[in-house]
C-alpha cells in the first residue's frame, strides 16, 4: 500500500513509519500542511493519514483542498481533538474515518483496510507492463516469471514507473516521489539507482524496457 502520512510530531511519525514499513507498506512522510497539498496534487496514493494540528496549513484545510480538487483517496484523520462538532465538520469535508490519539496500531491497520474496501480498492493489486509484474502486497517484482532482485528505493522507483508506463519521468519527479519533495538533491543519485535497476530488469533480456530520455529522465517503453 502506498501511504501518505501527514504528521509533524516526530515521535508519532517515527513510530508509525517504522510500524507501517514493517507491514511492507510504502510511506511518504510530510510534516507541513502546504507541502501535503502539493504532494497529493503531484502523486497518487492509496490512502492518506492526516493529522489536524500542522504547520503551514491545518489538516482540515488540507482535506478541504484535496476534496475540492476531486482527489478521492481515502483520508483517515488522526488527532487528539475529540469534540463531536469537530468530527462532524471533518466528515462533512470528506474524511473517511477519524482516530483519536493515542490509538493502537492494529486498529489503524483495520480502519485503513475498511476505508479501502469502501472505496473498492485492492491493496494487493498488481502493476503490469509487458512481461514485468510488481505485486504490491508481496513487494516483489518479476520479469517473464523470474524474480527481479531489487528492494527499497529501487523497487519504489520501478513501482512509480510501472504506474506511468510510456511517460517520461524527470529526475526531479522521481526524487519527489521516492525520497520526498523536501529532500536535498544529490548529483546522480537517481542515475545510480536506475543503473542498478537496469542491470536486473533489462540486462538478462533481449528486449530493453527502461529507456533513457536524453537530458530529461527515464521511461518504461517498448
C-alpha atoms as a PDB file:
ATOM      1  CA  UNK A   1       0.000   0.000   0.000  1.00  0.00           C
ATOM      2  CA  UNK A   2       1.268   3.473  -0.887  1.00  0.00           C
ATOM      3  CA  UNK A   3       0.605   5.729   2.117  1.00  0.00           C
ATOM      4  CA  UNK A   4       0.943   9.474   2.630  1.00  0.00           C
ATOM      5  CA  UNK A   5       1.490  10.240   6.330  1.00  0.00           C
ATOM      6  CA  UNK A   6       0.968  13.895   7.235  1.00  0.00           C
ATOM      7  CA  UNK A   7       2.210  14.324  10.808  1.00  0.00           C
ATOM      8  CA  UNK A   8       4.531  16.899  12.395  1.00  0.00           C
ATOM      9  CA  UNK A   9       5.039  15.115  15.729  1.00  0.00           C
ATOM     10  CA  UNK A  10       8.380  13.375  15.165  1.00  0.00           C
ATOM     11  CA  UNK A  11       7.817  10.772  17.870  1.00  0.00           C
ATOM     12  CA  UNK A  12       4.419   9.777  16.464  1.00  0.00           C
ATOM     13  CA  UNK A  13       5.580   9.825  12.840  1.00  0.00           C
ATOM     14  CA  UNK A  14       8.695   7.817  13.686  1.00  0.00           C
ATOM     15  CA  UNK A  15       6.670   5.052  15.332  1.00  0.00           C
ATOM     16  CA  UNK A  16       4.059   4.978  12.553  1.00  0.00           C
ATOM     17  CA  UNK A  17       6.638   4.923   9.757  1.00  0.00           C
ATOM     18  CA  UNK A  18       8.505   2.069  11.412  1.00  0.00           C
ATOM     19  CA  UNK A  19       5.355   0.016  12.040  1.00  0.00           C
ATOM     20  CA  UNK A  20       3.817   0.627   8.601  1.00  0.00           C
ATOM     21  CA  UNK A  21       7.048  -0.225   6.793  1.00  0.00           C
ATOM     22  CA  UNK A  22       7.350  -3.381   8.868  1.00  0.00           C
ATOM     23  CA  UNK A  23       3.977  -4.329   7.335  1.00  0.00           C
ATOM     24  CA  UNK A  24       5.582  -3.807   3.877  1.00  0.00           C
ATOM     25  CA  UNK A  25       3.806  -0.539   3.111  1.00  0.00           C
ATOM     26  CA  UNK A  26       5.462   2.382   1.332  1.00  0.00           C
ATOM     27  CA  UNK A  27       5.232   5.516   3.475  1.00  0.00           C
ATOM     28  CA  UNK A  28       5.915   9.091   2.446  1.00  0.00           C
ATOM     29  CA  UNK A  29       6.124  11.422   5.447  1.00  0.00           C
ATOM     30  CA  UNK A  30       5.154  15.087   5.156  1.00  0.00           C
ATOM     31  CA  UNK A  31       5.323  17.389   8.186  1.00  0.00           C
ATOM     32  CA  UNK A  32       3.755  20.536   6.697  1.00  0.00           C
ATOM     33  CA  UNK A  33       0.190  21.139   5.541  1.00  0.00           C
ATOM     34  CA  UNK A  34       1.065  23.197   2.461  1.00  0.00           C
ATOM     35  CA  UNK A  35       3.593  20.596   1.341  1.00  0.00           C
ATOM     36  CA  UNK A  36       0.963  17.886   1.843  1.00  0.00           C
ATOM     37  CA  UNK A  37      -1.365  19.643  -0.611  1.00  0.00           C
ATOM     38  CA  UNK A  38       1.396  19.834  -3.224  1.00  0.00           C
ATOM     39  CA  UNK A  39       2.301  16.179  -2.700  1.00  0.00           C
ATOM     40  CA  UNK A  40      -1.296  14.979  -3.071  1.00  0.00           C
ATOM     41  CA  UNK A  41      -1.668  17.019  -6.269  1.00  0.00           C
ATOM     42  CA  UNK A  42       1.521  15.532  -7.754  1.00  0.00           C
ATOM     43  CA  UNK A  43       1.376  11.890  -6.641  1.00  0.00           C
ATOM     44  CA  UNK A  44      -1.272   9.208  -6.398  1.00  0.00           C
ATOM     45  CA  UNK A  45      -1.583   7.432  -3.037  1.00  0.00           C
ATOM     46  CA  UNK A  46      -3.701   4.537  -1.813  1.00  0.00           C
ATOM     47  CA  UNK A  47      -4.532   6.236   1.481  1.00  0.00           C
ATOM     48  CA  UNK A  48      -3.775   9.437   3.426  1.00  0.00           C
ATOM     49  CA  UNK A  49      -3.232   9.550   7.203  1.00  0.00           C
ATOM     50  CA  UNK A  50      -3.770  13.162   8.208  1.00  0.00           C
ATOM     51  CA  UNK A  51      -3.050  14.978  11.466  1.00  0.00           C
ATOM     52  CA  UNK A  52      -5.027  18.160  12.178  1.00  0.00           C
ATOM     53  CA  UNK A  53      -2.589  20.431  14.009  1.00  0.00           C
ATOM     54  CA  UNK A  54       0.007  21.073  11.304  1.00  0.00           C
ATOM     55  CA  UNK A  55       2.342  23.953  10.442  1.00  0.00           C
ATOM     56  CA  UNK A  56       1.772  25.677   7.106  1.00  0.00           C
ATOM     57  CA  UNK A  57      -1.873  24.659   6.761  1.00  0.00           C
ATOM     58  CA  UNK A  58      -4.164  22.853   9.169  1.00  0.00           C
ATOM     59  CA  UNK A  59      -5.400  19.348   8.462  1.00  0.00           C
ATOM     60  CA  UNK A  60      -8.976  20.461   7.840  1.00  0.00           C
ATOM     61  CA  UNK A  61      -7.712  22.960   5.241  1.00  0.00           C
ATOM     62  CA  UNK A  62      -5.676  20.209   3.564  1.00  0.00           C
ATOM     63  CA  UNK A  63      -8.714  17.924   3.488  1.00  0.00           C
ATOM     64  CA  UNK A  64     -10.961  20.656   2.087  1.00  0.00           C
ATOM     65  CA  UNK A  65      -8.416  21.456  -0.645  1.00  0.00           C
ATOM     66  CA  UNK A  66      -7.856  17.886  -1.839  1.00  0.00           C
ATOM     67  CA  UNK A  67     -11.593  17.127  -1.949  1.00  0.00           C
ATOM     68  CA  UNK A  68     -12.174  20.363  -3.895  1.00  0.00           C
ATOM     69  CA  UNK A  69      -9.516  19.124  -6.327  1.00  0.00           C
ATOM     70  CA  UNK A  70     -11.582  15.922  -6.827  1.00  0.00           C
ATOM     71  CA  UNK A  71      -8.956  13.716  -5.158  1.00  0.00           C
ATOM     72  CA  UNK A  72     -10.921  10.701  -3.908  1.00  0.00           C
ATOM     73  CA  UNK A  73      -8.106   8.968  -1.971  1.00  0.00           C
ATOM     74  CA  UNK A  74      -9.389   7.717   1.411  1.00  0.00           C
ATOM     75  CA  UNK A  75      -8.390  10.054   4.274  1.00  0.00           C
ATOM     76  CA  UNK A  76      -8.159   8.969   7.912  1.00  0.00           C
ATOM     77  CA  UNK A  77      -7.894  11.809  10.409  1.00  0.00           C
ATOM     78  CA  UNK A  78      -5.558  11.274  13.383  1.00  0.00           C
ATOM     79  CA  UNK A  79      -5.955  13.788  16.192  1.00  0.00           C
ATOM     80  CA  UNK A  80      -6.195  14.373  19.906  1.00  0.00           C
ATOM     81  CA  UNK A  81      -9.328  16.504  19.338  1.00  0.00           C
ATOM     82  CA  UNK A  82     -12.440  14.514  20.192  1.00  0.00           C
ATOM     83  CA  UNK A  83     -15.255  17.099  20.231  1.00  0.00           C
ATOM     84  CA  UNK A  84     -18.364  15.963  18.356  1.00  0.00           C
ATOM     85  CA  UNK A  85     -18.625  19.152  16.279  1.00  0.00           C
ATOM     86  CA  UNK A  86     -15.009  18.663  15.071  1.00  0.00           C
ATOM     87  CA  UNK A  87     -15.802  15.124  13.945  1.00  0.00           C
ATOM     88  CA  UNK A  88     -18.975  16.220  12.174  1.00  0.00           C
ATOM     89  CA  UNK A  89     -17.151  19.046  10.394  1.00  0.00           C
ATOM     90  CA  UNK A  90     -14.394  16.742   9.151  1.00  0.00           C
ATOM     91  CA  UNK A  91     -16.811  14.099   7.894  1.00  0.00           C
ATOM     92  CA  UNK A  92     -18.702  16.855   6.081  1.00  0.00           C
ATOM     93  CA  UNK A  93     -15.405  17.930   4.482  1.00  0.00           C
ATOM     94  CA  UNK A  94     -14.852  14.405   3.157  1.00  0.00           C
ATOM     95  CA  UNK A  95     -12.942  12.443   5.814  1.00  0.00           C
ATOM     96  CA  UNK A  96     -13.393   8.669   5.593  1.00  0.00           C
ATOM     97  CA  UNK A  97     -12.572   7.896   9.220  1.00  0.00           C
ATOM     98  CA  UNK A  98     -11.429   9.521  12.452  1.00  0.00           C
ATOM     99  CA  UNK A  99      -8.952   8.144  15.022  1.00  0.00           C
ATOM    100  CA  UNK A 100      -8.388   9.784  18.385  1.00  0.00           C
ATOM    101  CA  UNK A 101      -4.810   9.745  19.680  1.00  0.00           C
ATOM    102  CA  UNK A 102      -3.420   7.722  21.280  1.00  0.00           C
ATOM    103  CA  UNK A 103      -4.629   4.677  19.361  1.00  0.00           C
ATOM    104  CA  UNK A 104      -3.494   1.097  18.881  1.00  0.00           C
ATOM    105  CA  UNK A 105      -1.586   0.393  15.664  1.00  0.00           C
ATOM    106  CA  UNK A 106      -3.725  -2.681  14.913  1.00  0.00           C
ATOM    107  CA  UNK A 107      -6.836  -0.502  14.999  1.00  0.00           C
ATOM    108  CA  UNK A 108      -5.247   1.865  12.474  1.00  0.00           C
ATOM    109  CA  UNK A 109      -4.487  -1.078  10.150  1.00  0.00           C
ATOM    110  CA  UNK A 110      -8.072  -2.326  10.456  1.00  0.00           C
ATOM    111  CA  UNK A 111      -9.512   1.094   9.697  1.00  0.00           C
ATOM    112  CA  UNK A 112      -7.196   1.522   6.698  1.00  0.00           C
ATOM    113  CA  UNK A 113      -8.361  -1.795   5.249  1.00  0.00           C
ATOM    114  CA  UNK A 114     -12.003  -0.875   5.878  1.00  0.00           C
ATOM    115  CA  UNK A 115     -11.571   2.501   4.162  1.00  0.00           C
ATOM    116  CA  UNK A 116     -10.013   0.813   1.129  1.00  0.00           C
ATOM    117  CA  UNK A 117     -12.805  -1.763   0.969  1.00  0.00           C
ATOM    118  CA  UNK A 118     -15.407   1.002   0.983  1.00  0.00           C
ATOM    119  CA  UNK A 119     -13.578   2.594  -1.929  1.00  0.00           C
ATOM    120  CA  UNK A 120     -13.393  -0.736  -3.751  1.00  0.00           C
ATOM    121  CA  UNK A 121      -9.586  -0.585  -3.766  1.00  0.00           C
ATOM    122  CA  UNK A 122      -7.460  -3.727  -3.594  1.00  0.00           C
ATOM    123  CA  UNK A 123      -4.322  -3.092  -1.581  1.00  0.00           C
ATOM    124  CA  UNK A 124      -2.755  -6.206  -3.113  1.00  0.00           C
ATOM    125  CA  UNK A 125      -3.225  -5.114  -6.740  1.00  0.00           C
ATOM    126  CA  UNK A 126      -0.640  -5.959  -9.375  1.00  0.00           C
ATOM    127  CA  UNK A 127       1.182  -3.454 -11.555  1.00  0.00           C
ATOM    128  CA  UNK A 128       1.900  -4.892 -15.001  1.00  0.00           C
ATOM    129  CA  UNK A 129       3.784  -3.656 -18.057  1.00  0.00           C
ATOM    130  CA  UNK A 130       4.679  -6.094 -20.819  1.00  0.00           C
ATOM    131  CA  UNK A 131       6.222  -9.110 -19.003  1.00  0.00           C
ATOM    132  CA  UNK A 132       7.066  -7.118 -15.845  1.00  0.00           C
ATOM    133  CA  UNK A 133       4.777  -7.680 -12.854  1.00  0.00           C
ATOM    134  CA  UNK A 134       5.025  -5.987  -9.457  1.00  0.00           C
ATOM    135  CA  UNK A 135       2.975  -7.463  -6.631  1.00  0.00           C
ATOM    136  CA  UNK A 136       2.444  -4.555  -4.240  1.00  0.00           C
ATOM    137  CA  UNK A 137       1.368  -6.799  -1.374  1.00  0.00           C
ATOM    138  CA  UNK A 138       4.419  -9.046  -1.591  1.00  0.00           C
ATOM    139  CA  UNK A 139       6.752  -6.141  -2.508  1.00  0.00           C
ATOM    140  CA  UNK A 140       8.167  -8.331  -5.249  1.00  0.00           C
ATOM    141  CA  UNK A 141       8.760  -7.743  -8.963  1.00  0.00           C
ATOM    142  CA  UNK A 142       9.210 -10.329 -11.693  1.00  0.00           C
ATOM    143  CA  UNK A 143      10.027 -10.314 -15.381  1.00  0.00           C
ATOM    144  CA  UNK A 144       8.999 -13.229 -17.571  1.00  0.00           C
ATOM    145  CA  UNK A 145       8.127 -15.029 -14.334  1.00  0.00           C
ATOM    146  CA  UNK A 146      11.614 -14.617 -12.803  1.00  0.00           C
ATOM    147  CA  UNK A 147      12.166 -12.551  -9.660  1.00  0.00           C
ATOM    148  CA  UNK A 148      13.904  -9.212 -10.172  1.00  0.00           C
ATOM    149  CA  UNK A 149      16.260  -8.854  -7.219  1.00  0.00           C
ATOM    150  CA  UNK A 150      15.671  -5.212  -6.258  1.00  0.00           C
ATOM    151  CA  UNK A 151      14.411  -3.762  -2.987  1.00  0.00           C
ATOM    152  CA  UNK A 152      13.963  -0.499  -1.110  1.00  0.00           C
ATOM    153  CA  UNK A 153      14.263   2.711  -3.112  1.00  0.00           C
ATOM    154  CA  UNK A 154      14.938   0.831  -6.348  1.00  0.00           C
ATOM    155  CA  UNK A 155      11.746  -1.175  -6.035  1.00  0.00           C
ATOM    156  CA  UNK A 156       9.856   2.029  -5.289  1.00  0.00           C
ATOM    157  CA  UNK A 157      11.324   3.673  -8.421  1.00  0.00           C
ATOM    158  CA  UNK A 158      10.219   0.702 -10.512  1.00  0.00           C
ATOM    159  CA  UNK A 159       6.756   0.842  -8.929  1.00  0.00           C
ATOM    160  CA  UNK A 160       6.493   4.536  -9.781  1.00  0.00           C
ATOM    161  CA  UNK A 161       7.495   3.856 -13.381  1.00  0.00           C
ATOM    162  CA  UNK A 162       5.000   0.993 -13.648  1.00  0.00           C
ATOM    163  CA  UNK A 163       2.186   3.355 -12.658  1.00  0.00           C
ATOM    164  CA  UNK A 164       3.182   5.646 -15.545  1.00  0.00           C
ATOM    165  CA  UNK A 165       4.331   3.465 -18.465  1.00  0.00           C
ATOM    166  CA  UNK A 166       5.377   5.279 -21.656  1.00  0.00           C
ATOM    167  CA  UNK A 167       5.595   8.536 -19.660  1.00  0.00           C
ATOM    168  CA  UNK A 168       8.877  10.411 -19.318  1.00  0.00           C
ATOM    169  CA  UNK A 169       9.737  10.836 -15.635  1.00  0.00           C
ATOM    170  CA  UNK A 170      12.285  13.516 -14.862  1.00  0.00           C
ATOM    171  CA  UNK A 171      14.920  13.027 -12.199  1.00  0.00           C
ATOM    172  CA  UNK A 172      13.122  15.597 -10.030  1.00  0.00           C
ATOM    173  CA  UNK A 173       9.810  13.737 -10.383  1.00  0.00           C
ATOM    174  CA  UNK A 174      11.477  10.513  -9.281  1.00  0.00           C
ATOM    175  CA  UNK A 175      13.223  12.246  -6.368  1.00  0.00           C
ATOM    176  CA  UNK A 176       9.954  13.870  -5.241  1.00  0.00           C
ATOM    177  CA  UNK A 177       8.035  10.604  -5.338  1.00  0.00           C
ATOM    178  CA  UNK A 178      10.633   8.265  -3.850  1.00  0.00           C
ATOM    179  CA  UNK A 179      12.610  10.475  -1.458  1.00  0.00           C
ATOM    180  CA  UNK A 180      10.075  13.276  -0.903  1.00  0.00           C
ATOM    181  CA  UNK A 181       9.882  16.832  -2.278  1.00  0.00           C
ATOM    182  CA  UNK A 182      11.807  18.348   0.632  1.00  0.00           C
ATOM    183  CA  UNK A 183      14.820  16.026   0.254  1.00  0.00           C
ATOM    184  CA  UNK A 184      18.150  17.623  -0.607  1.00  0.00           C
ATOM    185  CA  UNK A 185      19.180  16.895  -4.199  1.00  0.00           C
ATOM    186  CA  UNK A 186      22.379  14.910  -4.663  1.00  0.00           C
ATOM    187  CA  UNK A 187      24.070  14.696  -8.048  1.00  0.00           C
ATOM    188  CA  UNK A 188      23.437  11.453  -9.959  1.00  0.00           C
ATOM    189  CA  UNK A 189      21.603   9.664  -7.129  1.00  0.00           C
ATOM    190  CA  UNK A 190      18.683   8.785  -9.430  1.00  0.00           C
ATOM    191  CA  UNK A 191      21.070   7.764 -12.224  1.00  0.00           C
ATOM    192  CA  UNK A 192      22.906   5.377  -9.906  1.00  0.00           C
ATOM    193  CA  UNK A 193      19.668   3.685  -8.818  1.00  0.00           C
ATOM    194  CA  UNK A 194      18.414   3.469 -12.406  1.00  0.00           C
ATOM    195  CA  UNK A 195      21.693   1.824 -13.418  1.00  0.00           C
ATOM    196  CA  UNK A 196      21.202  -0.905 -10.804  1.00  0.00           C
ATOM    197  CA  UNK A 197      17.547  -1.395 -11.787  1.00  0.00           C
ATOM    198  CA  UNK A 198      18.547  -1.724 -15.439  1.00  0.00           C
ATOM    199  CA  UNK A 199      21.131  -4.384 -14.548  1.00  0.00           C
ATOM    200  CA  UNK A 200      18.360  -6.547 -13.045  1.00  0.00           C
ATOM    201  CA  UNK A 201      15.408  -5.560 -15.226  1.00  0.00           C
ATOM    202  CA  UNK A 202      16.930  -5.357 -18.713  1.00  0.00           C
ATOM    203  CA  UNK A 203      20.427  -6.817 -18.934  1.00  0.00           C
ATOM    204  CA  UNK A 204      19.359 -10.511 -18.935  1.00  0.00           C
ATOM    205  CA  UNK A 205      16.740  -9.891 -21.640  1.00  0.00           C
ATOM    206  CA  UNK A 206      16.831  -9.150 -25.360  1.00  0.00           C
ATOM    207  CA  UNK A 207      14.064  -6.524 -25.231  1.00  0.00           C
ATOM    208  CA  UNK A 208      15.091  -3.472 -23.186  1.00  0.00           C
ATOM    209  CA  UNK A 209      12.282  -1.630 -21.429  1.00  0.00           C
ATOM    210  CA  UNK A 210      13.981   1.014 -19.283  1.00  0.00           C
ATOM    211  CA  UNK A 211      14.810   3.879 -21.653  1.00  0.00           C
ATOM    212  CA  UNK A 212      16.920   6.974 -21.046  1.00  0.00           C
ATOM    213  CA  UNK A 213      15.469  10.195 -22.421  1.00  0.00           C
ATOM    214  CA  UNK A 214      18.453  12.428 -23.143  1.00  0.00           C
ATOM    215  CA  UNK A 215      18.928  15.314 -20.646  1.00  0.00           C
ATOM    216  CA  UNK A 216      15.418  14.713 -19.265  1.00  0.00           C
ATOM    217  CA  UNK A 217      14.929  11.464 -17.380  1.00  0.00           C
ATOM    218  CA  UNK A 218      13.664   7.937 -17.892  1.00  0.00           C
ATOM    219  CA  UNK A 219      10.642   5.944 -19.007  1.00  0.00           C
ATOM    220  CA  UNK A 220       9.365   2.401 -19.379  1.00  0.00           C
ATOM    221  CA  UNK A 221       8.776   1.810 -23.062  1.00  0.00           C
ATOM    222  CA  UNK A 222       8.826  -0.994 -25.642  1.00  0.00           C
END
